[in-house]
Amino acid sequence: MAWHDILTVRVSCPAHTHYSPEQGPGAIRAGCETCWRLFTLYRAFENVKRSIKEFRDATAARRKP
């Protein structure tokens, strides 16, 4: 089974266009709800990518003699 990671997410806060969730929660200004939601989405997306990588590595290790 082959898995291709092709999902990308491109969103931004209309009030804080320069905020990037990669900057972490410390970069969120004035407790902006939209920025917090972007950060939550980013963390969930990173967890999914990490789970896919772990699954891929585990199945590849089982197949090798």
PDB file of N, CA and C in Angstrom:
ATOM      1  N   MET A   1       0.849  -1.169   0.000  1.00  0.00           N
ATOM      2  CA  MET A   1       0.000   0.000   0.000  1.00  0.00           C
ATOM      3  C   MET A   1       0.898   1.237   0.000  1.00  0.00           C
ATOM      4  N   ALA A   2       0.594   2.158  -0.838  1.00  0.00           N
ATOM      5  CA  ALA A   2       1.374   3.396  -0.914  1.00  0.00           C
ATOM      6  C   ALA A   2       0.536   4.543  -0.380  1.00  0.00           C
ATOM      7  N   TRP A   3       1.174   5.389   0.364  1.00  0.00           N
ATOM      8  CA  TRP A   3       0.500   6.568   0.908  1.00  0.00           C
ATOM      9  C   TRP A   3       1.239   7.795   0.430  1.00  0.00           C
ATOM     10  N   HIS A   4       0.515   8.723  -0.124  1.00  0.00           N
ATOM     11  CA  HIS A   4       1.115   9.971  -0.568  1.00  0.00           C
ATOM     12  C   HIS A   4       0.511  11.102   0.244  1.00  0.00           C
ATOM     13  N   ASP A   5       1.369  11.861   0.866  1.00  0.00           N
ATOM     14  CA  ASP A   5       0.938  12.960   1.732  1.00  0.00           C
ATOM     15  C   ASP A   5       0.745  14.200   0.869  1.00  0.00           C
ATOM     16  N   ILE A   6      -0.506  14.435   0.431  1.00  0.00           N
ATOM     17  CA  ILE A   6      -0.750  15.542  -0.487  1.00  0.00           C
ATOM     18  C   ILE A   6      -1.654  16.620   0.099  1.00  0.00           C
ATOM     19  N   LEU A   7      -2.032  16.456   1.364  1.00  0.00           N
ATOM     20  CA  LEU A   7      -2.938  17.405   1.982  1.00  0.00           C
ATOM     21  C   LEU A   7      -2.182  18.642   2.452  1.00  0.00           C
ATOM     22  N   THR A   8      -2.645  19.797   2.036  1.00  0.00           N
ATOM     23  CA  THR A   8      -2.083  21.056   2.513  1.00  0.00           C
ATOM     24  C   THR A   8      -3.221  21.954   2.958  1.00  0.00           C
ATOM     25  N   VAL A   9      -2.920  22.794   3.921  1.00  0.00           N
ATOM     26  CA  VAL A   9      -3.914  23.720   4.445  1.00  0.00           C
ATOM     27  C   VAL A   9      -3.330  25.120   4.374  1.00  0.00           C
ATOM     28  N   ARG A  10      -4.048  26.015   3.731  1.00  0.00           N
ATOM     29  CA  ARG A  10      -3.597  27.410   3.630  1.00  0.00           C
ATOM     30  C   ARG A  10      -4.726  28.314   4.089  1.00  0.00           C
ATOM     31  N   VAL A  11      -4.607  28.764   5.314  1.00  0.00           N
ATOM     32  CA  VAL A  11      -5.602  29.654   5.892  1.00  0.00           C
ATOM     33  C   VAL A  11      -4.879  30.755   6.652  1.00  0.00           C
ATOM     34  N   SER A  12      -5.582  31.856   6.874  1.00  0.00           N
ATOM     35  CA  SER A  12      -4.994  32.927   7.669  1.00  0.00           C
ATOM     36  C   SER A  12      -6.104  33.687   8.379  1.00  0.00           C
ATOM     37  N   CYS A  13      -5.716  34.353   9.431  1.00  0.00           N
ATOM     38  CA  CYS A  13      -6.657  35.170  10.187  1.00  0.00           C
ATOM     39  C   CYS A  13      -6.851  36.482   9.436  1.00  0.00           C
ATOM     40  N   PRO A  14      -8.065  36.913   9.223  1.00  0.00           N
ATOM     41  CA  PRO A  14      -8.278  38.173   8.506  1.00  0.00           C
ATOM     42  C   PRO A  14      -7.740  39.388   9.271  1.00  0.00           C
ATOM     43  N   ALA A  15      -7.690  39.290  10.590  1.00  0.00           N
ATOM     44  CA  ALA A  15      -7.209  40.418  11.391  1.00  0.00           C
ATOM     45  C   ALA A  15      -5.691  40.401  11.569  1.00  0.00           C
ATOM     46  N   HIS A  16      -5.087  39.223  11.557  1.00  0.00           N
ATOM     47  CA  HIS A  16      -3.642  39.083  11.780  1.00  0.00           C
ATOM     48  C   HIS A  16      -3.038  38.254  10.646  1.00  0.00           C
ATOM     49  N   THR A  17      -2.894  38.853   9.508  1.00  0.00           N
ATOM     50  CA  THR A  17      -2.470  38.116   8.308  1.00  0.00           C
ATOM     51  C   THR A  17      -1.038  37.602   8.392  1.00  0.00           C
ATOM     52  N   HIS A  18      -0.227  38.145   9.268  1.00  0.00           N
ATOM     53  CA  HIS A  18       1.168  37.707   9.369  1.00  0.00           C
ATOM     54  C   HIS A  18       1.377  36.608  10.404  1.00  0.00           C
ATOM     55  N   TYR A  19       0.311  36.212  11.099  1.00  0.00           N
ATOM     56  CA  TYR A  19       0.442  35.143  12.089  1.00  0.00           C
ATOM     57  C   TYR A  19       0.554  33.804  11.384  1.00  0.00           C
ATOM     58  N   SER A  20       1.508  32.997  11.821  1.00  0.00           N
ATOM     59  CA  SER A  20       1.669  31.639  11.338  1.00  0.00           C
ATOM     60  C   SER A  20       1.605  30.705  12.537  1.00  0.00           C
ATOM     61  N   PRO A  21       0.804  29.650  12.490  1.00  0.00           N
ATOM     62  CA  PRO A  21       0.714  28.732  13.620  1.00  0.00           C
ATOM     63  C   PRO A  21       2.057  28.101  13.988  1.00  0.00           C
ATOM     64  N   GLU A  22       2.990  28.054  13.048  1.00  0.00           N
ATOM     65  CA  GLU A  22       4.320  27.526  13.339  1.00  0.00           C
ATOM     66  C   GLU A  22       5.054  28.372  14.368  1.00  0.00           C
ATOM     67  N   GLN A  23       4.628  29.621  14.535  1.00  0.00           N
ATOM     68  CA  GLN A  23       5.247  30.515  15.517  1.00  0.00           C
ATOM     69  C   GLN A  23       4.845  30.146  16.940  1.00  0.00           C
ATOM     70  N   GLY A  24       3.806  29.355  17.088  1.00  0.00           N
ATOM     71  CA  GLY A  24       3.367  28.914  18.398  1.00  0.00           C
ATOM     72  C   GLY A  24       2.318  29.822  19.010  1.00  0.00           C
ATOM     73  N   PRO A  25       1.802  29.419  20.175  1.00  0.00           N
ATOM     74  CA  PRO A  25       0.735  30.196  20.809  1.00  0.00           C
ATOM     75  C   PRO A  25       1.214  31.530  21.361  1.00  0.00           C
ATOM     76  N   GLY A  26       2.494  31.679  21.589  1.00  0.00           N
ATOM     77  CA  GLY A  26       3.014  32.940  22.110  1.00  0.00           C
ATOM     78  C   GLY A  26       2.908  34.091  21.126  1.00  0.00           C
ATOM     79  N   ALA A  27       2.733  33.786  19.855  1.00  0.00           N
ATOM     80  CA  ALA A  27       2.656  34.835  18.831  1.00  0.00           C
ATOM     81  C   ALA A  27       1.218  35.302  18.588  1.00  0.00           C
ATOM     82  N   ILE A  28       0.254  34.699  19.272  1.00  0.00           N
ATOM     83  CA  ILE A  28      -1.144  35.092  19.096  1.00  0.00           C
ATOM     84  C   ILE A  28      -1.380  36.414  19.822  1.00  0.00           C
ATOM     85  N   ARG A  29      -1.909  37.370  19.113  1.00  0.00           N
ATOM     86  CA  ARG A  29      -2.119  38.703  19.676  1.00  0.00           C
ATOM     87  C   ARG A  29      -3.519  38.850  20.266  1.00  0.00           C
ATOM     88  N   ALA A  30      -3.575  39.413  21.436  1.00  0.00           N
ATOM     89  CA  ALA A  30      -4.828  39.777  22.107  1.00  0.00           C
ATOM     90  C   ALA A  30      -5.798  38.601  22.236  1.00  0.00           C
ATOM     91  N   GLY A  31      -5.271  37.394  22.315  1.00  0.00           N
ATOM     92  CA  GLY A  31      -6.136  36.232  22.479  1.00  0.00           C
ATOM     93  C   GLY A  31      -7.114  36.025  21.345  1.00  0.00           C
ATOM     94  N   CYS A  32      -6.707  36.353  20.139  1.00  0.00           N
ATOM     95  CA  CYS A  32      -7.571  36.248  18.961  1.00  0.00           C
ATOM     96  C   CYS A  32      -8.108  34.819  18.808  1.00  0.00           C
ATOM     97  N   GLU A  33      -9.423  34.699  18.777  1.00  0.00           N
ATOM     98  CA  GLU A  33     -10.066  33.389  18.682  1.00  0.00           C
ATOM     99  C   GLU A  33      -9.731  32.684  17.362  1.00  0.00           C
ATOM    100  N   THR A  34      -9.679  33.428  16.283  1.00  0.00           N
ATOM    101  CA  THR A  34      -9.371  32.833  14.983  1.00  0.00           C
ATOM    102  C   THR A  34      -7.941  32.298  14.966  1.00  0.00           C
ATOM    103  N   CYS A  35      -7.003  33.058  15.513  1.00  0.00           N
ATOM    104  CA  CYS A  35      -5.609  32.596  15.574  1.00  0.00           C
ATOM    105  C   CYS A  35      -5.487  31.346  16.437  1.00  0.00           C
ATOM    106  N   TRP A  36      -6.237  31.299  17.551  1.00  0.00           N
ATOM    107  CA  TRP A  36      -6.219  30.108  18.401  1.00  0.00           C
ATOM    108  C   TRP A  36      -6.763  28.899  17.649  1.00  0.00           C
ATOM    109  N   ARG A  37      -7.802  29.107  16.878  1.00  0.00           N
ATOM    110  CA  ARG A  37      -8.356  27.994  16.094  1.00  0.00           C
ATOM    111  C   ARG A  37      -7.382  27.534  15.019  1.00  0.00           C
ATOM    112  N   LEU A  38      -6.675  28.475  14.415  1.00  0.00           N
ATOM    113  CA  LEU A  38      -5.646  28.104  13.433  1.00  0.00           C
ATOM    114  C   LEU A  38      -4.549  27.286  14.098  1.00  0.00           C
ATOM    115  N   PHE A  39      -4.151  27.692  15.290  1.00  0.00           N
ATOM    116  CA  PHE A  39      -3.114  26.965  16.017  1.00  0.00           C
ATOM    117  C   PHE A  39      -3.591  25.553  16.369  1.00  0.00           C
ATOM    118  N   THR A  40      -4.848  25.425  16.800  1.00  0.00           N
ATOM    119  CA  THR A  40      -5.410  24.112  17.122  1.00  0.00           C
ATOM    120  C   THR A  40      -5.459  23.228  15.877  1.00  0.00           C
ATOM    121  N   LEU A  41      -5.874  23.799  14.759  1.00  0.00           N
ATOM    122  CA  LEU A  41      -5.907  23.067  13.494  1.00  0.00           C
ATOM    123  C   LEU A  41      -4.504  22.612  13.104  1.00  0.00           C
ATOM    124  N   TYR A  42      -3.523  23.490  13.274  1.00  0.00           N
ATOM    125  CA  TYR A  42      -2.135  23.168  12.943  1.00  0.00           C
ATOM    126  C   TYR A  42      -1.637  21.991  13.776  1.00  0.00           C
ATOM    127  N   ARG A  43      -1.904  22.030  15.099  1.00  0.00           N
ATOM    128  CA  ARG A  43      -1.468  20.928  15.971  1.00  0.00           C
ATOM    129  C   ARG A  43      -2.127  19.624  15.567  1.00  0.00           C
ATOM    130  N   ALA A  44      -3.414  19.642  15.261  1.00  0.00           N
ATOM    131  CA  ALA A  44      -4.117  18.425  14.850  1.00  0.00           C
ATOM    132  C   ALA A  44      -3.550  17.886  13.539  1.00  0.00           C
ATOM    133  N   PHE A  45      -3.273  18.777  12.613  1.00  0.00           N
ATOM    134  CA  PHE A  45      -2.704  18.382  11.321  1.00  0.00           C
ATOM    135  C   PHE A  45      -1.329  17.743  11.511  1.00  0.00           C
ATOM    136  N   GLU A  46      -0.511  18.321  12.384  1.00  0.00           N
ATOM    137  CA  GLU A  46       0.811  17.764  12.655  1.00  0.00           C
ATOM    138  C   GLU A  46       0.705  16.386  13.313  1.00  0.00           C
ATOM    139  N   ASN A  47      -0.276  16.200  14.195  1.00  0.00           N
ATOM    140  CA  ASN A  47      -0.484  14.897  14.830  1.00  0.00           C
ATOM    141  C   ASN A  47      -0.893  13.843  13.813  1.00  0.00           C
ATOM    142  N   VAL A  48      -1.743  14.210  12.875  1.00  0.00           N
ATOM    143  CA  VAL A  48      -2.150  13.271  11.823  1.00  0.00           C
ATOM    144  C   VAL A  48      -0.953  12.887  10.967  1.00  0.00           C
ATOM    145  N   LYS A  49      -0.148  13.862  10.584  1.00  0.00           N
ATOM    146  CA  LYS A  49       1.044  13.558   9.770  1.00  0.00           C
ATOM    147  C   LYS A  49       2.012  12.660  10.525  1.00  0.00           C
ATOM    148  N   ARG A  50       2.189  12.900  11.833  1.00  0.00           N
ATOM    149  CA  ARG A  50       3.092  12.078  12.633  1.00  0.00           C
ATOM    150  C   ARG A  50       2.550  10.650  12.739  1.00  0.00           C
ATOM    151  N   SER A  51       1.240  10.493  12.915  1.00  0.00           N
ATOM    152  CA  SER A  51       0.629   9.170  12.995  1.00  0.00           C
ATOM    153  C   SER A  51       0.783   8.405  11.687  1.00  0.00           C
ATOM    154  N   ILE A  52       0.611   9.083  10.583  1.00  0.00           N
ATOM    155  CA  ILE A  52       0.785   8.445   9.279  1.00  0.00           C
ATOM    156  C   ILE A  52       2.222   7.973   9.118  1.00  0.00           C
ATOM    157  N   LYS A  53       3.182   8.795   9.505  1.00  0.00           N
ATOM    158  CA  LYS A  53       4.598   8.422   9.399  1.00  0.00           C
ATOM    159  C   LYS A  53       4.906   7.215  10.285  1.00  0.00           C
ATOM    160  N   GLU A  54       4.395   7.197  11.514  1.00  0.00           N
ATOM    161  CA  GLU A  54       4.620   6.064  12.412  1.00  0.00           C
ATOM    162  C   GLU A  54       4.010   4.788  11.842  1.00  0.00           C
ATOM    163  N   PHE A  55       2.810   4.894  11.286  1.00  0.00           N
ATOM    164  CA  PHE A  55       2.159   3.732  10.685  1.00  0.00           C
ATOM    165  C   PHE A  55       2.963   3.233   9.491  1.00  0.00           C
ATOM    166  N   ARG A  56       3.390   4.153   8.654  1.00  0.00           N
ATOM    167  CA  ARG A  56       4.173   3.782   7.472  1.00  0.00           C
ATOM    168  C   ARG A  56       5.471   3.093   7.884  1.00  0.00           C
ATOM    169  N   ASP A  57       6.155   3.631   8.900  1.00  0.00           N
ATOM    170  CA  ASP A  57       7.406   3.026   9.364  1.00  0.00           C
ATOM    171  C   ASP A  57       7.171   1.655   9.967  1.00  0.00           C
ATOM    172  N   ALA A  58       6.081   1.498  10.727  1.00  0.00           N
ATOM    173  CA  ALA A  58       5.777   0.223  11.358  1.00  0.00           C
ATOM    174  C   ALA A  58       5.455  -0.850  10.321  1.00  0.00           C
ATOM    175  N   THR A  59       4.696  -0.502   9.313  1.00  0.00           N
ATOM    176  CA  THR A  59       4.346  -1.491   8.295  1.00  0.00           C
ATOM    177  C   THR A  59       5.556  -1.823   7.422  1.00  0.00           C
ATOM    178  N   ALA A  60       6.412  -0.844   7.182  1.00  0.00           N
ATOM    179  CA  ALA A  60       7.616  -1.128   6.392  1.00  0.00           C
ATOM    180  C   ALA A  60       8.558  -2.037   7.159  1.00  0.00           C
ATOM    181  N   ALA A  61       8.660  -1.866   8.465  1.00  0.00           N
ATOM    182  CA  ALA A  61       9.531  -2.708   9.290  1.00  0.00           C
ATOM    183  C   ALA A  61       9.015  -4.144   9.334  1.00  0.00           C
ATOM    184  N   ARG A  62       7.704  -4.324   9.329  1.00  0.00           N
ATOM    185  CA  ARG A  62       7.139  -5.683   9.358  1.00  0.00           C
ATOM    186  C   ARG A  62       7.380  -6.422   8.059  1.00  0.00           C
ATOM    187  N   ARG A  63       7.446  -5.717   6.967  1.00  0.00           N
ATOM    188  CA  ARG A  63       7.590  -6.361   5.659  1.00  0.00           C
ATOM    189  C   ARG A  63       9.016  -6.816   5.384  1.00  0.00           C
ATOM    190  N   LYS A  64       9.992  -6.172   6.010  1.00  0.00           N
ATOM    191  CA  LYS A  64      11.387  -6.541   5.770  1.00  0.00           C
ATOM    192  C   LYS A  64      11.724  -7.813   6.544  1.00  0.00           C
ATOM    193  N   PRO A  65      12.420  -8.764   5.889  1.00  0.00           N
ATOM    194  CA  PRO A  65      12.775 -10.022   6.579  1.00  0.00           C
ATOM    195  C   PRO A  65      13.882  -9.822   7.580  1.00  0.00           C
TER     196      PRO A  65
END
